[in-house]
Amino acid sequence: MRVLVTGATGFVGRAVVTALAADGEEVYAAVRTGGSDGPLPPFPQGIGVARHGDLAGPVDWAPLLAGIDWVVHLAGIAHAGPGIAEEHYDRVNHRATAALAKAARTAGVARLVFISSIRAQTGPAADHVVSERDEPRPTDPYGRSKLAAERAVARSGVPFTILRPVLVYGPGVKGNLRALMRLAALPVPLPFGALTARRSLVSLANLAAAIAFVLRHDACAGQTYLVSDPEPLTLAEIVTALRHGIGRKPGLVAVPPVLVRLGLEVLGRGGSWEQINGVLVAEPGKLLAAGWRAKADTKGELAGMMRSRTAGR
């Protein structure tokens, strides 16, 4: 099948392009013309490259969709962040997705898989195990733009599947998890031993496998799925796994959470507290019931990611 992957140069996009090509699909990597991220990464041999304009402006999707059977839409603003106007989130994440879905319907695309986010479902923490049965309640512009995009896809008439992944980890990860890896690499004790809030993660390999699974199963059309590894972890367990990957003991100190929060505020990172100590467990039961099978060893995958990072220096 011919597959167009948007956002193909991103953290998730590169893995999806590689995985689909390895499975024998004819893959086209959609990349932004005139991007500011430097030269294109070396895609596997045989990958086609399709260029498009900035998603903040009009994009002519028709030439990119000619002859395409499946679309995996990853392009957009990937995370919530300071200084980004709600209008910009809406233009890039919502309206550009709506235009792509409409064009895919016109082109006769057999399936559009839209990679949304857990933040379309909930805020950075939840007081219960989150599932697709819950009414979506995003709490920030990023989450609202993703939910609006989901609804636009559903209205477009193109056959679709929506995935809402939790925090994704894997080689090349950025953001808070990369910062945590840098901390874990330091030969000093860390004050996270008393933090017991559990959070769901999903490995890059598991997310890529979920995308491939829903593309190939007609019963997944018209469905929305949360995507996570089966086992949520505490911050202490995550750090322990990362340090295990480089042969180091956990080195965790049980500092009272209130003092950890105060320390973050002193360092100007108080906004990270809910993501560090807030509970966010997402249940992937619906996707598992559909037949998807995830690698269950999250701690082992985290250790391997840390080991690879150290070896790659």
C-alpha atoms as a PDB file:
ATOM      1  CA  MET A   1       0.000   0.000   0.000  1.00  0.00           C
ATOM      2  CA  ARG A   2       1.104   3.583  -0.612  1.00  0.00           C
ATOM      3  CA  VAL A   3       1.370   5.517   2.651  1.00  0.00           C
ATOM      4  CA  LEU A   4       1.894   9.255   3.117  1.00  0.00           C
ATOM      5  CA  VAL A   5       3.361  10.139   6.529  1.00  0.00           C
ATOM      6  CA  THR A   6       3.200  13.809   7.491  1.00  0.00           C
ATOM      7  CA  GLY A   7       5.594  15.117  10.108  1.00  0.00           C
ATOM      8  CA  ALA A   8       8.029  12.511   8.808  1.00  0.00           C
ATOM      9  CA  THR A   9      11.145  14.289  10.098  1.00  0.00           C
ATOM     10  CA  GLY A  10       9.864  14.412  13.670  1.00  0.00           C
ATOM     11  CA  PHE A  11      10.642  12.183  16.633  1.00  0.00           C
ATOM     12  CA  VAL A  12       7.661   9.883  15.998  1.00  0.00           C
ATOM     13  CA  GLY A  13       7.521  10.401  12.234  1.00  0.00           C
ATOM     14  CA  ARG A  14      11.003   9.040  11.556  1.00  0.00           C
ATOM     15  CA  ALA A  15      10.196   5.858  13.479  1.00  0.00           C
ATOM     16  CA  VAL A  16       6.854   5.395  11.704  1.00  0.00           C
ATOM     17  CA  VAL A  17       8.382   5.878   8.251  1.00  0.00           C
ATOM     18  CA  THR A  18      11.096   3.330   9.044  1.00  0.00           C
ATOM     19  CA  ALA A  19       8.670   0.791  10.544  1.00  0.00           C
ATOM     20  CA  LEU A  20       6.169   0.951   7.679  1.00  0.00           C
ATOM     21  CA  ALA A  21       8.931   0.694   5.072  1.00  0.00           C
ATOM     22  CA  ALA A  22      10.380  -2.320   6.892  1.00  0.00           C
ATOM     23  CA  ASP A  23       6.948  -3.935   6.695  1.00  0.00           C
ATOM     24  CA  GLY A  24       6.990  -3.599   2.918  1.00  0.00           C
ATOM     25  CA  GLU A  25       4.751  -0.575   2.450  1.00  0.00           C
ATOM     26  CA  GLU A  26       5.505   2.074  -0.201  1.00  0.00           C
ATOM     27  CA  VAL A  27       6.143   5.075   2.013  1.00  0.00           C
ATOM     28  CA  TYR A  28       6.215   8.774   1.150  1.00  0.00           C
ATOM     29  CA  ALA A  29       7.627  11.155   3.750  1.00  0.00           C
ATOM     30  CA  ALA A  30       5.821  14.490   3.738  1.00  0.00           C
ATOM     31  CA  VAL A  31       8.156  17.279   4.852  1.00  0.00           C
ATOM     32  CA  ARG A  32       7.767  21.011   5.119  1.00  0.00           C
ATOM     33  CA  THR A  33       9.336  23.126   2.381  1.00  0.00           C
ATOM     34  CA  GLY A  34      11.897  25.578   3.733  1.00  0.00           C
ATOM     35  CA  GLY A  35      11.909  24.083   7.226  1.00  0.00           C
ATOM     36  CA  SER A  36      14.265  25.513   9.824  1.00  0.00           C
ATOM     37  CA  ASP A  37      15.338  22.162  11.293  1.00  0.00           C
ATOM     38  CA  GLY A  38      18.368  21.707   9.053  1.00  0.00           C
ATOM     39  CA  PRO A  39      18.921  19.039   6.382  1.00  0.00           C
ATOM     40  CA  LEU A  40      16.546  16.124   6.038  1.00  0.00           C
ATOM     41  CA  PRO A  41      17.411  13.010   8.038  1.00  0.00           C
ATOM     42  CA  PRO A  42      18.609  10.011   6.023  1.00  0.00           C
ATOM     43  CA  PHE A  43      15.402   8.109   5.317  1.00  0.00           C
ATOM     44  CA  PRO A  44      15.665   4.389   4.503  1.00  0.00           C
ATOM     45  CA  GLN A  45      16.321   3.533   0.878  1.00  0.00           C
ATOM     46  CA  GLY A  46      13.222   3.652  -1.283  1.00  0.00           C
ATOM     47  CA  ILE A  47      11.354   6.272   0.761  1.00  0.00           C
ATOM     48  CA  GLY A  48       9.824   8.982  -1.390  1.00  0.00           C
ATOM     49  CA  VAL A  49       9.859  12.603  -0.232  1.00  0.00           C
ATOM     50  CA  ALA A  50       6.832  14.859  -0.744  1.00  0.00           C
ATOM     51  CA  ARG A  51       7.113  18.535   0.175  1.00  0.00           C
ATOM     52  CA  HIS A  52       4.383  20.885   1.378  1.00  0.00           C
ATOM     53  CA  GLY A  53       4.122  24.422   2.660  1.00  0.00           C
ATOM     54  CA  ASP A  54       3.860  25.718   6.208  1.00  0.00           C
ATOM     55  CA  LEU A  55       0.766  24.323   7.955  1.00  0.00           C
ATOM     56  CA  ALA A  56       0.040  27.806   9.291  1.00  0.00           C
ATOM     57  CA  GLY A  57      -0.939  28.792   5.754  1.00  0.00           C
ATOM     58  CA  PRO A  58      -2.902  27.197   2.924  1.00  0.00           C
ATOM     59  CA  VAL A  59      -1.488  23.835   1.785  1.00  0.00           C
ATOM     60  CA  ASP A  60      -2.359  22.221  -1.532  1.00  0.00           C
ATOM     61  CA  TRP A  61      -2.676  18.609  -0.391  1.00  0.00           C
ATOM     62  CA  ALA A  62      -4.014  17.246  -3.702  1.00  0.00           C
ATOM     63  CA  PRO A  63      -0.632  16.576  -5.396  1.00  0.00           C
ATOM     64  CA  LEU A  64       0.675  14.794  -2.297  1.00  0.00           C
ATOM     65  CA  LEU A  65      -2.417  12.574  -2.063  1.00  0.00           C
ATOM     66  CA  ALA A  66      -2.548  11.418  -5.684  1.00  0.00           C
ATOM     67  CA  GLY A  67      -2.381   7.623  -5.669  1.00  0.00           C
ATOM     68  CA  ILE A  68      -2.090   7.412  -1.872  1.00  0.00           C
ATOM     69  CA  ASP A  69      -3.970   4.634  -0.048  1.00  0.00           C
ATOM     70  CA  TRP A  70      -3.248   5.530   3.582  1.00  0.00           C
ATOM     71  CA  VAL A  71      -2.292   8.730   5.392  1.00  0.00           C
ATOM     72  CA  VAL A  72      -0.663   8.949   8.818  1.00  0.00           C
ATOM     73  CA  HIS A  73      -0.956  12.544  10.019  1.00  0.00           C
ATOM     74  CA  LEU A  74       1.672  13.488  12.587  1.00  0.00           C
ATOM     75  CA  ALA A  75       2.560  17.024  11.485  1.00  0.00           C
ATOM     76  CA  GLY A  76       1.670  19.920  13.761  1.00  0.00           C
ATOM     77  CA  ILE A  77       2.702  21.589  16.992  1.00  0.00           C
ATOM     78  CA  ALA A  78       3.723  18.571  19.035  1.00  0.00           C
ATOM     79  CA  HIS A  79       3.466  19.793  22.631  1.00  0.00           C
ATOM     80  CA  ALA A  80       1.901  22.375  24.890  1.00  0.00           C
ATOM     81  CA  GLY A  81       4.356  25.167  25.494  1.00  0.00           C
ATOM     82  CA  PRO A  82       4.596  28.772  26.706  1.00  0.00           C
ATOM     83  CA  GLY A  83       4.399  31.676  24.324  1.00  0.00           C
ATOM     84  CA  ILE A  84       2.296  29.982  21.633  1.00  0.00           C
ATOM     85  CA  ALA A  85      -0.993  31.733  20.915  1.00  0.00           C
ATOM     86  CA  GLU A  86      -4.187  29.673  20.963  1.00  0.00           C
ATOM     87  CA  GLU A  87      -4.930  30.925  17.449  1.00  0.00           C
ATOM     88  CA  HIS A  88      -1.664  29.406  16.219  1.00  0.00           C
ATOM     89  CA  TYR A  89      -2.451  26.040  17.803  1.00  0.00           C
ATOM     90  CA  ASP A  90      -5.864  26.150  16.169  1.00  0.00           C
ATOM     91  CA  ARG A  91      -4.504  27.084  12.748  1.00  0.00           C
ATOM     92  CA  VAL A  92      -1.756  24.430  12.658  1.00  0.00           C
ATOM     93  CA  ASN A  93      -3.265  21.547  14.628  1.00  0.00           C
ATOM     94  CA  HIS A  94      -6.952  21.970  13.845  1.00  0.00           C
ATOM     95  CA  ARG A  95      -7.545  23.809  10.589  1.00  0.00           C
ATOM     96  CA  ALA A  96      -4.608  22.266   8.702  1.00  0.00           C
ATOM     97  CA  THR A  97      -5.791  18.814   9.785  1.00  0.00           C
ATOM     98  CA  ALA A  98      -9.346  19.609   8.696  1.00  0.00           C
ATOM     99  CA  ALA A  99      -8.063  20.664   5.255  1.00  0.00           C
ATOM    100  CA  LEU A 100      -6.001  17.486   4.923  1.00  0.00           C
ATOM    101  CA  ALA A 101      -8.954  15.295   5.905  1.00  0.00           C
ATOM    102  CA  LYS A 102     -11.204  17.004   3.366  1.00  0.00           C
ATOM    103  CA  ALA A 103      -8.582  16.607   0.637  1.00  0.00           C
ATOM    104  CA  ALA A 104      -8.065  12.945   1.601  1.00  0.00           C
ATOM    105  CA  ARG A 105     -11.806  12.343   1.248  1.00  0.00           C
ATOM    106  CA  THR A 106     -11.759  13.914  -2.224  1.00  0.00           C
ATOM    107  CA  ALA A 107      -8.708  11.854  -3.221  1.00  0.00           C
ATOM    108  CA  GLY A 108     -10.357   8.610  -2.157  1.00  0.00           C
ATOM    109  CA  VAL A 109      -7.859   7.774   0.591  1.00  0.00           C
ATOM    110  CA  ALA A 110      -8.796   4.463   2.203  1.00  0.00           C
ATOM    111  CA  ARG A 111      -7.734   5.434   5.742  1.00  0.00           C
ATOM    112  CA  LEU A 112      -6.477   8.510   7.563  1.00  0.00           C
ATOM    113  CA  VAL A 113      -4.833   7.810  10.912  1.00  0.00           C
ATOM    114  CA  PHE A 114      -4.686  11.019  12.934  1.00  0.00           C
ATOM    115  CA  ILE A 115      -2.198  11.077  15.795  1.00  0.00           C
ATOM    116  CA  SER A 116      -3.887  13.231  18.394  1.00  0.00           C
ATOM    117  CA  SER A 117      -2.822  13.311  22.058  1.00  0.00           C
ATOM    118  CA  ILE A 118      -3.915  12.281  25.528  1.00  0.00           C
ATOM    119  CA  ARG A 119      -4.225  16.035  26.106  1.00  0.00           C
ATOM    120  CA  ALA A 120      -7.292  16.036  23.843  1.00  0.00           C
ATOM    121  CA  GLN A 121      -8.824  13.746  26.465  1.00  0.00           C
ATOM    122  CA  THR A 122      -7.649  15.237  29.761  1.00  0.00           C
ATOM    123  CA  GLY A 123      -5.299  17.658  31.459  1.00  0.00           C
ATOM    124  CA  PRO A 124      -1.821  16.816  32.791  1.00  0.00           C
ATOM    125  CA  ALA A 125      -3.324  14.803  35.666  1.00  0.00           C
ATOM    126  CA  ALA A 126      -6.534  12.871  36.333  1.00  0.00           C
ATOM    127  CA  ASP A 127      -8.093  11.493  39.528  1.00  0.00           C
ATOM    128  CA  HIS A 128      -9.187   8.255  37.831  1.00  0.00           C
ATOM    129  CA  VAL A 129      -7.945   5.811  35.216  1.00  0.00           C
ATOM    130  CA  VAL A 130      -8.595   7.535  31.893  1.00  0.00           C
ATOM    131  CA  SER A 131     -10.344   5.669  29.093  1.00  0.00           C
ATOM    132  CA  GLU A 132     -12.091   6.459  25.827  1.00  0.00           C
ATOM    133  CA  ARG A 133     -15.410   6.237  27.668  1.00  0.00           C
ATOM    134  CA  ASP A 134     -14.648   9.518  29.431  1.00  0.00           C
ATOM    135  CA  GLU A 135     -15.971  12.751  27.992  1.00  0.00           C
ATOM    136  CA  PRO A 136     -12.943  14.624  26.557  1.00  0.00           C
ATOM    137  CA  ARG A 137     -11.996  17.578  28.757  1.00  0.00           C
ATOM    138  CA  PRO A 138      -8.802  19.249  27.472  1.00  0.00           C
ATOM    139  CA  THR A 139      -7.415  21.963  29.727  1.00  0.00           C
ATOM    140  CA  ASP A 140      -5.080  23.954  27.474  1.00  0.00           C
ATOM    141  CA  PRO A 141      -4.928  25.377  23.931  1.00  0.00           C
ATOM    142  CA  TYR A 142      -2.861  22.447  22.685  1.00  0.00           C
ATOM    143  CA  GLY A 143      -5.393  19.883  23.887  1.00  0.00           C
ATOM    144  CA  ARG A 144      -8.340  21.912  22.606  1.00  0.00           C
ATOM    145  CA  SER A 145      -6.740  22.205  19.153  1.00  0.00           C
ATOM    146  CA  LYS A 146      -6.200  18.438  19.027  1.00  0.00           C
ATOM    147  CA  LEU A 147      -9.800  17.705  20.039  1.00  0.00           C
ATOM    148  CA  ALA A 148     -11.104  20.173  17.446  1.00  0.00           C
ATOM    149  CA  ALA A 149      -8.954  18.425  14.829  1.00  0.00           C
ATOM    150  CA  GLU A 150     -10.351  15.027  15.837  1.00  0.00           C
ATOM    151  CA  ARG A 151     -13.887  16.293  15.370  1.00  0.00           C
ATOM    152  CA  ALA A 152     -13.014  17.818  11.997  1.00  0.00           C
ATOM    153  CA  VAL A 153     -11.573  14.490  10.836  1.00  0.00           C
ATOM    154  CA  ALA A 154     -14.692  12.652  11.967  1.00  0.00           C
ATOM    155  CA  ARG A 155     -16.912  15.109  10.059  1.00  0.00           C
ATOM    156  CA  SER A 156     -14.845  15.042   6.860  1.00  0.00           C
ATOM    157  CA  GLY A 157     -16.194  11.769   5.496  1.00  0.00           C
ATOM    158  CA  VAL A 158     -12.763  10.157   5.053  1.00  0.00           C
ATOM    159  CA  PRO A 159     -12.365   6.709   6.695  1.00  0.00           C
ATOM    160  CA  PHE A 160     -10.338   7.449   9.813  1.00  0.00           C
ATOM    161  CA  THR A 161      -8.827   6.185  13.050  1.00  0.00           C
ATOM    162  CA  ILE A 162      -7.753   8.496  15.866  1.00  0.00           C
ATOM    163  CA  LEU A 163      -4.950   7.635  18.289  1.00  0.00           C
ATOM    164  CA  ARG A 164      -4.381   9.502  21.556  1.00  0.00           C
ATOM    165  CA  PRO A 165      -0.883   8.569  22.780  1.00  0.00           C
ATOM    166  CA  VAL A 166       0.421   9.437  26.228  1.00  0.00           C
ATOM    167  CA  LEU A 167       3.989  10.693  26.760  1.00  0.00           C
ATOM    168  CA  VAL A 168       6.173   8.997  24.135  1.00  0.00           C
ATOM    169  CA  TYR A 169       9.700   7.855  24.942  1.00  0.00           C
ATOM    170  CA  GLY A 170      12.451   6.390  22.805  1.00  0.00           C
ATOM    171  CA  PRO A 171      15.786   7.229  21.166  1.00  0.00           C
ATOM    172  CA  GLY A 172      15.963  10.952  20.425  1.00  0.00           C
ATOM    173  CA  VAL A 173      13.239  11.945  22.897  1.00  0.00           C
ATOM    174  CA  LYS A 174      13.045  15.634  23.775  1.00  0.00           C
ATOM    175  CA  GLY A 175      11.328  17.798  26.381  1.00  0.00           C
ATOM    176  CA  ASN A 176      10.884  16.863  30.041  1.00  0.00           C
ATOM    177  CA  LEU A 177      11.966  13.263  29.562  1.00  0.00           C
ATOM    178  CA  ARG A 178      15.253  14.262  27.966  1.00  0.00           C
ATOM    179  CA  ALA A 179      15.836  16.640  30.886  1.00  0.00           C
ATOM    180  CA  LEU A 180      15.127  13.764  33.289  1.00  0.00           C
ATOM    181  CA  MET A 181      17.647  11.593  31.426  1.00  0.00           C
ATOM    182  CA  ARG A 182      20.283  14.279  31.905  1.00  0.00           C
ATOM    183  CA  LEU A 183      19.503  14.327  35.626  1.00  0.00           C
ATOM    184  CA  ALA A 184      19.617  10.540  35.851  1.00  0.00           C
ATOM    185  CA  ALA A 185      23.048  10.547  34.218  1.00  0.00           C
ATOM    186  CA  LEU A 186      24.519  12.719  36.984  1.00  0.00           C
ATOM    187  CA  PRO A 187      26.424  10.819  39.709  1.00  0.00           C
ATOM    188  CA  VAL A 188      24.394  12.454  42.488  1.00  0.00           C
ATOM    189  CA  PRO A 189      21.365  11.413  44.591  1.00  0.00           C
ATOM    190  CA  LEU A 190      17.987  12.632  43.331  1.00  0.00           C
ATOM    191  CA  PRO A 191      15.099  13.681  45.614  1.00  0.00           C
ATOM    192  CA  PHE A 192      12.328  11.602  44.017  1.00  0.00           C
ATOM    193  CA  GLY A 193      12.140   8.589  46.329  1.00  0.00           C
ATOM    194  CA  ALA A 194       8.878   9.699  47.977  1.00  0.00           C
ATOM    195  CA  LEU A 195       6.988  10.535  44.766  1.00  0.00           C
ATOM    196  CA  THR A 196       4.415   7.791  44.263  1.00  0.00           C
ATOM    197  CA  ALA A 197       2.159   9.184  41.531  1.00  0.00           C
ATOM    198  CA  ARG A 198       1.929   6.783  38.600  1.00  0.00           C
ATOM    199  CA  ARG A 199       1.950   7.944  34.995  1.00  0.00           C
ATOM    200  CA  SER A 200       1.432   6.124  31.722  1.00  0.00           C
ATOM    201  CA  LEU A 201       4.102   6.183  29.023  1.00  0.00           C
ATOM    202  CA  VAL A 202       4.267   4.670  25.553  1.00  0.00           C
ATOM    203  CA  SER A 203       7.417   3.561  23.798  1.00  0.00           C
ATOM    204  CA  LEU A 204       8.154   4.814  20.311  1.00  0.00           C
ATOM    205  CA  ALA A 205       8.139   1.207  19.108  1.00  0.00           C
ATOM    206  CA  ASN A 206       4.731   0.526  20.648  1.00  0.00           C
ATOM    207  CA  LEU A 207       3.224   3.678  19.121  1.00  0.00           C
ATOM    208  CA  ALA A 208       4.623   2.834  15.667  1.00  0.00           C
ATOM    209  CA  ALA A 209       3.226  -0.696  16.027  1.00  0.00           C
ATOM    210  CA  ALA A 210      -0.182   0.697  17.030  1.00  0.00           C
ATOM    211  CA  ILE A 211      -0.252   2.923  13.941  1.00  0.00           C
ATOM    212  CA  ALA A 212       0.598  -0.020  11.674  1.00  0.00           C
ATOM    213  CA  PHE A 213      -2.017  -2.172  13.418  1.00  0.00           C
ATOM    214  CA  VAL A 214      -4.948   0.216  12.995  1.00  0.00           C
ATOM    215  CA  LEU A 215      -4.026   0.882   9.363  1.00  0.00           C
ATOM    216  CA  ARG A 216      -4.284  -2.799   8.536  1.00  0.00           C
ATOM    217  CA  HIS A 217      -7.462  -3.650  10.452  1.00  0.00           C
ATOM    218  CA  ASP A 218     -10.741  -2.469   8.962  1.00  0.00           C
ATOM    219  CA  ALA A 219     -12.508  -2.925  12.305  1.00  0.00           C
ATOM    220  CA  CYS A 220     -10.460   0.034  13.624  1.00  0.00           C
ATOM    221  CA  ALA A 221     -12.052   2.461  11.156  1.00  0.00           C
ATOM    222  CA  GLY A 222     -14.131   5.132  12.840  1.00  0.00           C
ATOM    223  CA  GLN A 223     -12.591   4.395  16.238  1.00  0.00           C
ATOM    224  CA  THR A 224     -10.616   6.416  18.768  1.00  0.00           C
ATOM    225  CA  TYR A 225      -7.989   4.689  20.905  1.00  0.00           C
ATOM    226  CA  LEU A 226      -5.763   5.660  23.803  1.00  0.00           C
ATOM    227  CA  VAL A 227      -2.230   4.335  23.296  1.00  0.00           C
ATOM    228  CA  SER A 228       0.017   3.500  26.249  1.00  0.00           C
ATOM    229  CA  ASP A 229       2.312   0.818  27.557  1.00  0.00           C
ATOM    230  CA  PRO A 230       0.328  -1.523  29.829  1.00  0.00           C
ATOM    231  CA  GLU A 231       2.274  -0.639  33.016  1.00  0.00           C
ATOM    232  CA  PRO A 232       2.263   2.920  34.430  1.00  0.00           C
ATOM    233  CA  LEU A 233       5.325   3.930  36.462  1.00  0.00           C
ATOM    234  CA  THR A 234       6.221   6.348  39.241  1.00  0.00           C
ATOM    235  CA  LEU A 235       8.932   8.940  38.713  1.00  0.00           C
ATOM    236  CA  ALA A 236      11.138   6.949  41.088  1.00  0.00           C
ATOM    237  CA  GLU A 237      10.658   3.831  38.948  1.00  0.00           C
ATOM    238  CA  ILE A 238      11.459   5.764  35.775  1.00  0.00           C
ATOM    239  CA  VAL A 239      14.701   7.148  37.235  1.00  0.00           C
ATOM    240  CA  THR A 240      15.614   3.709  38.582  1.00  0.00           C
ATOM    241  CA  ALA A 241      15.138   2.198  35.122  1.00  0.00           C
ATOM    242  CA  LEU A 242      17.166   4.937  33.440  1.00  0.00           C
ATOM    243  CA  ARG A 243      20.034   4.528  35.883  1.00  0.00           C
ATOM    244  CA  HIS A 244      19.883   0.755  35.545  1.00  0.00           C
ATOM    245  CA  GLY A 245      20.527   1.254  31.839  1.00  0.00           C
ATOM    246  CA  ILE A 246      23.948   2.744  32.602  1.00  0.00           C
ATOM    247  CA  GLY A 247      24.783   0.313  35.393  1.00  0.00           C
ATOM    248  CA  ARG A 248      24.089   2.719  38.217  1.00  0.00           C
ATOM    249  CA  LYS A 249      22.159   2.263  41.466  1.00  0.00           C
ATOM    250  CA  PRO A 250      18.891   4.225  41.860  1.00  0.00           C
ATOM    251  CA  GLY A 251      20.400   6.798  44.235  1.00  0.00           C
ATOM    252  CA  LEU A 252      16.987   8.125  45.261  1.00  0.00           C
ATOM    253  CA  VAL A 253      16.345  10.095  48.429  1.00  0.00           C
ATOM    254  CA  ALA A 254      12.853  10.219  49.983  1.00  0.00           C
ATOM    255  CA  VAL A 255      12.464  13.992  50.204  1.00  0.00           C
ATOM    256  CA  PRO A 256       8.925  15.094  51.194  1.00  0.00           C
ATOM    257  CA  PRO A 257       6.970  16.101  48.058  1.00  0.00           C
ATOM    258  CA  VAL A 258       6.253  19.573  49.423  1.00  0.00           C
ATOM    259  CA  LEU A 259      10.004  20.274  49.523  1.00  0.00           C
ATOM    260  CA  VAL A 260      10.486  18.949  45.999  1.00  0.00           C
ATOM    261  CA  ARG A 261       7.747  21.293  44.824  1.00  0.00           C
ATOM    262  CA  LEU A 262       9.334  24.219  46.637  1.00  0.00           C
ATOM    263  CA  GLY A 263      12.685  23.430  45.039  1.00  0.00           C
ATOM    264  CA  LEU A 264      11.126  23.413  41.587  1.00  0.00           C
ATOM    265  CA  GLU A 265       9.509  26.784  42.247  1.00  0.00           C
ATOM    266  CA  VAL A 266      12.842  28.242  43.368  1.00  0.00           C
ATOM    267  CA  LEU A 267      14.383  26.977  40.125  1.00  0.00           C
ATOM    268  CA  GLY A 268      11.569  28.507  38.071  1.00  0.00           C
ATOM    269  CA  ARG A 269      10.155  25.073  37.150  1.00  0.00           C
ATOM    270  CA  GLY A 270       7.043  25.159  39.323  1.00  0.00           C
ATOM    271  CA  GLY A 271       4.866  24.591  36.280  1.00  0.00           C
ATOM    272  CA  SER A 272       6.367  21.109  35.965  1.00  0.00           C
ATOM    273  CA  TRP A 273       5.017  19.944  39.322  1.00  0.00           C
ATOM    274  CA  GLU A 274       1.704  18.549  38.096  1.00  0.00           C
ATOM    275  CA  GLN A 275       3.494  16.606  35.373  1.00  0.00           C
ATOM    276  CA  ILE A 276       5.986  15.244  37.921  1.00  0.00           C
ATOM    277  CA  ASN A 277       3.653  14.439  40.824  1.00  0.00           C
ATOM    278  CA  GLY A 278       0.247  14.285  39.153  1.00  0.00           C
ATOM    279  CA  VAL A 279      -1.363  10.913  38.482  1.00  0.00           C
ATOM    280  CA  LEU A 280      -2.158  10.203  34.832  1.00  0.00           C
ATOM    281  CA  VAL A 281      -2.954   6.574  34.070  1.00  0.00           C
ATOM    282  CA  ALA A 282      -4.439   5.866  30.631  1.00  0.00           C
ATOM    283  CA  GLU A 283      -5.968   2.459  29.992  1.00  0.00           C
ATOM    284  CA  PRO A 284      -5.155   0.955  26.547  1.00  0.00           C
ATOM    285  CA  GLY A 285      -7.757  -1.790  27.016  1.00  0.00           C
ATOM    286  CA  LYS A 286      -9.809  -0.867  23.960  1.00  0.00           C
ATOM    287  CA  LEU A 287      -6.808  -1.132  21.635  1.00  0.00           C
ATOM    288  CA  LEU A 288      -5.658  -4.363  23.288  1.00  0.00           C
ATOM    289  CA  ALA A 289      -9.158  -5.790  22.863  1.00  0.00           C
ATOM    290  CA  ALA A 290      -8.950  -4.964  19.145  1.00  0.00           C
ATOM    291  CA  GLY A 291      -5.899  -7.232  18.895  1.00  0.00           C
ATOM    292  CA  TRP A 292      -2.915  -4.882  19.283  1.00  0.00           C
ATOM    293  CA  ARG A 293      -0.095  -6.335  21.347  1.00  0.00           C
ATOM    294  CA  ALA A 294       2.354  -4.091  23.174  1.00  0.00           C
ATOM    295  CA  LYS A 295       5.806  -4.822  24.482  1.00  0.00           C
ATOM    296  CA  ALA A 296       5.187  -4.926  28.217  1.00  0.00           C
ATOM    297  CA  ASP A 297       8.696  -4.261  29.558  1.00  0.00           C
ATOM    298  CA  THR A 298       8.582  -0.488  29.971  1.00  0.00           C
ATOM    299  CA  LYS A 299      11.410  -0.468  32.489  1.00  0.00           C
ATOM    300  CA  GLY A 300      13.605  -2.476  30.137  1.00  0.00           C
ATOM    301  CA  GLU A 301      12.807  -0.142  27.228  1.00  0.00           C
ATOM    302  CA  LEU A 302      13.689   2.917  29.345  1.00  0.00           C
ATOM    303  CA  ALA A 303      16.969   1.291  30.400  1.00  0.00           C
ATOM    304  CA  GLY A 304      17.787   0.523  26.772  1.00  0.00           C
ATOM    305  CA  MET A 305      17.011   4.093  25.729  1.00  0.00           C
ATOM    306  CA  MET A 306      19.379   5.442  28.382  1.00  0.00           C
ATOM    307  CA  ARG A 307      22.069   2.933  27.417  1.00  0.00           C
ATOM    308  CA  SER A 308      21.805   3.940  23.750  1.00  0.00           C
ATOM    309  CA  ARG A 309      22.019   7.636  24.631  1.00  0.00           C
ATOM    310  CA  THR A 310      25.193   7.109  26.619  1.00  0.00           C
ATOM    311  CA  ALA A 311      26.757   4.900  23.960  1.00  0.00           C
ATOM    312  CA  GLY A 312      25.939   7.451  21.255  1.00  0.00           C
ATOM    313  CA  ARG A 313      27.834  10.304  22.830  1.00  0.00           C
END
